């Protein structure tokens, strides 16, 4: 059986989505909504809390509840994921060519530390969770649009910092870390990415200028590898954990045809709705 507060949340959600309460508009006072739905303040607060978690409304101190611009109503900037290069070095996609490193609150642009690596990043690097590794933390963004920014934490493998100690400093020189590694290895790096989503921590939300509730992070985890050469196997040199607001950005990429879908394709021979997994 659906709880009363869930019914109220559904009704308000429908009114918001339909435009009855447009983005930026104030909801009626909670006591007035409670009287209209014939429920207590506690029930009304529970209903509004659901909408806050969903990112549909926000509380403004001493002003009440207001409808937020829902992601479906915002024109997203599509981030095309490709490694490009200009006179400054490598960058990922034409949309961010003009982005630059922004200062942390203390004015530092690249924070370098040796700290325990998170479990999911450790798995990609092939090390034990909690092992101390060098991490380079940056806020990268559009100098002209304050809200267009991302967090980028680069976790660097211990073996490559042993070879190139400069990677554990805040200034890796012209072209940055990737240029130093390619100069040392005398061959190009390769990249692949995994895209997912999760809710932000309060610190991440504040750094990205996004609400602490209701909007998930878009997370692109980039794995940088030194490809195999002769008897030398492929080695992971870095994992970069990139986070941005899913309310402002989407990830776009081409879908290449796989070998089995090479044109011209063979005629289909089974009914999609009747085929079994064995087929």
Protein backbone atom coordinates (compact mmCIF):
# COMPACT_ATOMS: atom_id res chain seq x y z
CA UNK A 1 0.00 0.00 0.00
CA UNK A 2 1.36 3.40 -1.01
CA UNK A 3 2.06 5.76 1.88
CA UNK A 4 0.17 9.05 1.92
CA UNK A 5 3.33 11.14 1.61
CA UNK A 6 4.30 9.16 -1.52
CA UNK A 7 0.88 9.91 -3.05
CA UNK A 8 1.35 13.61 -2.34
CA UNK A 9 4.87 13.55 -3.79
CA UNK A 10 3.52 11.88 -6.95
CA UNK A 11 0.79 14.49 -7.31
CA UNK A 12 3.23 17.39 -6.87
CA UNK A 13 5.69 15.71 -9.25
CA UNK A 14 3.02 15.54 -11.95
CA UNK A 15 2.19 19.21 -11.44
CA UNK A 16 5.86 20.16 -11.76
CA UNK A 17 6.48 18.04 -14.87
CA UNK A 18 3.29 19.32 -16.53
CA UNK A 19 4.38 22.91 -16.01
CA UNK A 20 1.68 23.84 -13.52
CA UNK A 21 4.59 24.76 -11.26
CA UNK A 22 7.23 26.02 -13.75
CA UNK A 23 10.98 26.16 -13.02
CA UNK A 24 11.79 28.90 -10.55
CA UNK A 25 8.27 29.14 -9.16
CA UNK A 26 7.50 28.87 -5.46
CA UNK A 27 5.38 26.06 -4.09
CA UNK A 28 2.54 27.05 -1.75
CA UNK A 29 3.44 27.35 1.93
CA UNK A 30 3.78 23.97 3.61
CA UNK A 31 0.93 24.65 6.02
CA UNK A 32 -1.33 25.57 3.09
CA UNK A 33 -0.39 22.40 1.17
CA UNK A 34 -0.91 20.35 4.33
CA UNK A 35 -4.38 21.82 4.74
CA UNK A 36 -5.17 21.20 1.06
CA UNK A 37 -4.10 17.53 1.29
CA UNK A 38 -5.55 17.21 4.81
CA UNK A 39 -2.31 15.88 6.28
CA UNK A 40 0.04 16.85 9.09
CA UNK A 41 3.20 18.94 8.71
CA UNK A 42 5.24 15.76 9.25
CA UNK A 43 3.59 14.02 6.28
CA UNK A 44 4.02 17.11 4.14
CA UNK A 45 7.71 17.35 5.02
CA UNK A 46 8.20 13.70 4.00
CA UNK A 47 6.54 14.36 0.63
CA UNK A 48 8.71 17.41 -0.04
CA UNK A 49 11.83 15.51 1.04
CA UNK A 50 11.13 13.00 -1.75
CA UNK A 51 11.06 15.80 -4.32
CA UNK A 52 14.25 17.32 -2.92
CA UNK A 53 16.04 13.96 -3.28
CA UNK A 54 14.80 13.72 -6.87
CA UNK A 55 16.18 17.18 -7.64
CA UNK A 56 12.78 18.65 -8.49
CA UNK A 57 12.57 21.24 -5.71
CA UNK A 58 14.94 23.05 -3.39
CA UNK A 59 14.56 24.78 -0.06
CA UNK A 60 15.58 28.42 0.13
CA UNK A 61 16.15 29.63 3.65
CA UNK A 62 13.32 31.85 4.88
CA UNK A 63 11.75 31.81 1.41
CA UNK A 64 10.17 28.36 1.10
CA UNK A 65 10.31 25.59 -1.51
CA UNK A 66 11.04 26.40 -5.15
CA UNK A 67 10.94 24.33 -8.34
CA UNK A 68 14.42 23.69 -9.75
CA UNK A 69 15.27 23.60 -13.42
CA UNK A 70 14.96 19.86 -13.97
CA UNK A 71 17.70 18.22 -16.11
CA UNK A 72 15.09 17.39 -18.77
CA UNK A 73 14.47 21.12 -19.18
CA UNK A 74 18.12 22.11 -19.46
CA UNK A 75 20.09 21.98 -22.68
CA UNK A 76 22.97 19.70 -21.82
CA UNK A 77 26.48 20.28 -23.06
CA UNK A 78 27.48 17.02 -24.74
CA UNK A 79 31.07 16.10 -23.97
CA UNK A 80 32.54 14.26 -26.95
CA UNK A 81 35.13 11.89 -25.54
CA UNK A 82 38.23 11.93 -27.70
CA UNK A 83 41.84 12.78 -26.92
CA UNK A 84 42.91 15.90 -28.85
CA UNK A 85 46.07 17.99 -28.79
CA UNK A 86 47.06 21.63 -29.18
CA UNK A 87 50.07 23.78 -28.30
CA UNK A 88 49.42 23.21 -24.58
CA UNK A 89 49.29 19.42 -24.76
CA UNK A 90 46.51 16.81 -24.63
CA UNK A 91 42.86 17.57 -23.85
CA UNK A 92 39.67 15.51 -24.01
CA UNK A 93 37.15 16.85 -26.52
CA UNK A 94 36.62 20.07 -28.47
CA UNK A 95 34.07 21.33 -25.91
CA UNK A 96 36.79 21.74 -23.27
CA UNK A 97 39.69 23.00 -25.38
CA UNK A 98 39.43 26.44 -23.73
CA UNK A 99 39.03 25.08 -20.18
CA UNK A 100 41.83 25.74 -17.71
CA UNK A 101 42.89 24.63 -14.23
CA UNK A 102 40.96 26.65 -11.65
CA UNK A 103 42.28 27.45 -8.18
CA UNK A 104 41.21 25.47 -5.14
CA UNK A 105 39.91 27.62 -2.26
CA UNK A 106 43.48 27.97 -0.98
CA UNK A 107 44.67 29.24 -4.39
CA UNK A 108 46.57 26.06 -5.35
CA UNK A 109 45.76 24.77 -8.84
CA UNK A 110 47.19 21.26 -8.52
CA UNK A 111 47.11 19.56 -5.13
CA UNK A 112 49.60 16.70 -4.93
CA UNK A 113 49.52 14.21 -2.08
CA UNK A 114 50.40 10.62 -1.21
CA UNK A 115 47.21 9.07 0.21
CA UNK A 116 45.40 5.69 0.34
CA UNK A 117 43.85 4.80 -3.01
CA UNK A 118 40.07 4.05 -3.13
CA UNK A 119 39.10 0.42 -3.69
CA UNK A 120 37.57 0.85 -7.17
CA UNK A 121 40.56 2.82 -8.44
CA UNK A 122 42.96 0.35 -6.80
CA UNK A 123 41.34 -2.48 -8.76
CA UNK A 124 41.99 -0.67 -12.06
CA UNK A 125 45.59 0.03 -11.06
CA UNK A 126 46.15 -3.55 -9.93
CA UNK A 127 47.13 -2.63 -6.37
CA UNK A 128 45.67 -3.35 -2.93
CA UNK A 129 42.95 -1.00 -1.67
CA UNK A 130 44.39 1.53 0.73
CA UNK A 131 47.89 1.45 -0.73
CA UNK A 132 49.37 4.95 -0.68
CA UNK A 133 49.80 6.44 -4.14
CA UNK A 134 50.42 9.87 -5.59
CA UNK A 135 47.22 11.70 -6.48
CA UNK A 136 47.06 14.95 -8.41
CA UNK A 137 43.77 16.81 -7.74
CA UNK A 138 42.53 19.61 -9.99
CA UNK A 139 39.41 21.63 -10.65
CA UNK A 140 39.19 22.23 -14.39
CA UNK A 141 36.64 24.55 -15.92
CA UNK A 142 35.45 27.25 -18.28
CA UNK A 143 36.90 30.63 -17.21
CA UNK A 144 33.79 32.32 -18.66
CA UNK A 145 31.11 30.06 -17.12
CA UNK A 146 31.61 29.46 -13.42
CA UNK A 147 29.28 26.44 -13.20
CA UNK A 148 30.99 24.63 -16.12
CA UNK A 149 33.65 22.72 -14.25
CA UNK A 150 34.83 19.23 -13.33
CA UNK A 151 36.90 17.58 -10.65
CA UNK A 152 39.82 15.52 -11.90
CA UNK A 153 41.85 13.28 -9.57
CA UNK A 154 44.80 11.58 -11.24
CA UNK A 155 45.99 8.48 -9.37
CA UNK A 156 49.50 7.65 -10.56
CA UNK A 157 51.01 4.16 -10.41
CA UNK A 158 53.95 3.81 -8.02
CA UNK A 159 56.19 2.22 -10.67
CA UNK A 160 55.97 5.26 -12.96
CA UNK A 161 56.56 7.81 -10.18
CA UNK A 162 59.65 5.76 -9.25
CA UNK A 163 60.88 6.18 -12.83
CA UNK A 164 59.73 9.83 -13.09
CA UNK A 165 59.73 11.55 -9.66
CA UNK A 166 58.59 14.79 -11.33
CA UNK A 167 55.10 13.23 -11.56
CA UNK A 168 54.83 13.57 -7.77
CA UNK A 169 55.36 17.35 -7.93
CA UNK A 170 52.90 20.15 -8.70
CA UNK A 171 54.73 21.24 -11.87
CA UNK A 172 55.43 18.58 -14.51
CA UNK A 173 56.55 21.08 -17.17
CA UNK A 174 55.23 22.00 -20.61
CA UNK A 175 52.76 19.45 -21.93
CA UNK A 176 52.23 17.99 -18.49
CA UNK A 177 52.40 14.46 -17.15
CA UNK A 178 51.51 12.64 -20.37
CA UNK A 179 54.33 14.31 -22.30
CA UNK A 180 56.85 13.36 -19.64
CA UNK A 181 55.76 9.72 -19.75
CA UNK A 182 55.83 9.53 -23.56
CA UNK A 183 59.26 11.17 -23.66
CA UNK A 184 60.55 8.60 -21.18
CA UNK A 185 58.84 5.59 -22.82
CA UNK A 186 59.54 6.72 -26.40
CA UNK A 187 56.09 5.55 -27.50
CA UNK A 188 52.52 6.90 -27.32
CA UNK A 189 50.10 6.34 -24.50
CA UNK A 190 46.62 4.93 -25.01
CA UNK A 191 43.38 5.65 -23.16
CA UNK A 192 40.02 4.06 -22.42
CA UNK A 193 37.14 5.24 -20.27
CA UNK A 194 34.33 3.90 -18.11
CA UNK A 195 31.30 6.16 -17.56
CA UNK A 196 28.96 5.81 -14.58
CA UNK A 197 26.96 7.94 -12.14
CA UNK A 198 26.66 8.35 -8.37
CA UNK A 199 25.54 10.93 -5.86
CA UNK A 200 28.14 13.54 -4.84
CA UNK A 201 29.67 13.95 -1.43
CA UNK A 202 28.96 17.34 0.20
CA UNK A 203 32.52 18.42 -0.61
CA UNK A 204 32.18 17.43 -4.28
CA UNK A 205 28.83 19.20 -4.59
CA UNK A 206 30.26 22.40 -3.12
CA UNK A 207 33.33 22.31 -5.37
CA UNK A 208 31.16 21.77 -8.45
CA UNK A 209 28.67 24.48 -7.41
CA UNK A 210 25.81 21.97 -7.56
CA UNK A 211 23.10 21.10 -5.03
CA UNK A 212 24.01 18.59 -2.33
CA UNK A 213 20.86 16.55 -3.03
CA UNK A 214 18.87 15.59 -6.09
CA UNK A 215 21.54 15.74 -8.80
CA UNK A 216 23.99 12.87 -9.43
CA UNK A 217 27.55 13.15 -10.59
CA UNK A 218 28.49 12.05 -14.08
CA UNK A 219 31.70 10.08 -13.57
CA UNK A 220 34.21 9.28 -16.31
CA UNK A 221 37.09 7.08 -15.13
CA UNK A 222 39.94 7.27 -17.63
CA UNK A 223 42.59 4.56 -17.65
CA UNK A 224 45.93 5.59 -19.17
CA UNK A 225 48.09 2.72 -20.37
CA UNK A 226 51.52 2.25 -21.82
CA UNK A 227 50.82 -0.34 -24.56
CA UNK A 228 52.64 -3.63 -24.80
CA UNK A 229 55.95 -3.66 -26.67
CA UNK A 230 57.82 -6.83 -27.50
CA UNK A 231 57.89 -8.90 -24.32
CA UNK A 232 56.80 -5.96 -22.19
CA UNK A 233 53.10 -6.25 -21.27
CA UNK A 234 50.63 -3.39 -21.21
CA UNK A 235 50.98 -1.36 -18.01
CA UNK A 236 48.54 1.06 -16.38
CA UNK A 237 50.29 4.34 -15.58
CA UNK A 238 47.37 6.40 -14.29
CA UNK A 239 43.66 6.33 -13.48
CA UNK A 240 41.92 9.69 -13.68
CA UNK A 241 38.64 10.06 -11.79
CA UNK A 242 36.65 12.83 -13.53
CA UNK A 243 33.39 14.09 -12.00
CA UNK A 244 30.92 16.68 -13.30
CA UNK A 245 27.29 17.61 -12.82
CA UNK A 246 24.89 15.37 -14.75
CA UNK A 247 22.50 18.32 -14.81
CA UNK A 248 24.84 20.23 -17.10
CA UNK A 249 26.73 17.58 -19.06
CA UNK A 250 26.12 14.43 -21.06
CA UNK A 251 28.72 12.12 -22.62
CA UNK A 252 28.59 11.57 -26.36
CA UNK A 253 30.56 9.10 -28.44
CA UNK A 254 30.25 7.29 -31.79
CA UNK A 255 28.97 3.74 -31.95
CA UNK A 256 31.19 1.87 -34.41
CA UNK A 257 29.89 -1.23 -36.16
CA UNK A 258 31.31 -4.40 -34.67
CA UNK A 259 32.77 -7.12 -36.86
CA UNK A 260 29.48 -9.10 -36.81
CA UNK A 261 27.55 -6.03 -38.03
CA UNK A 262 29.80 -5.26 -41.00
CA UNK A 263 27.79 -4.06 -44.00
CA UNK A 264 26.17 -5.62 -45.97
CA UNK A 265 24.47 -7.51 -43.16
CA UNK A 266 22.86 -10.96 -43.56
CA UNK A 267 19.08 -11.14 -43.50
CA UNK A 268 17.56 -11.76 -40.06
CA UNK A 269 16.33 -15.33 -39.65
CA UNK A 270 14.70 -15.38 -36.19
CA UNK A 271 11.80 -13.55 -34.56
CA UNK A 272 13.18 -11.20 -31.87
CA UNK A 273 10.13 -11.68 -29.64
CA UNK A 274 10.18 -15.50 -29.89
CA UNK A 275 13.89 -16.20 -29.85
CA UNK A 276 15.29 -17.93 -26.77
CA UNK A 277 18.67 -17.28 -25.17
CA UNK A 278 19.91 -20.58 -26.61
CA UNK A 279 19.40 -19.19 -30.11
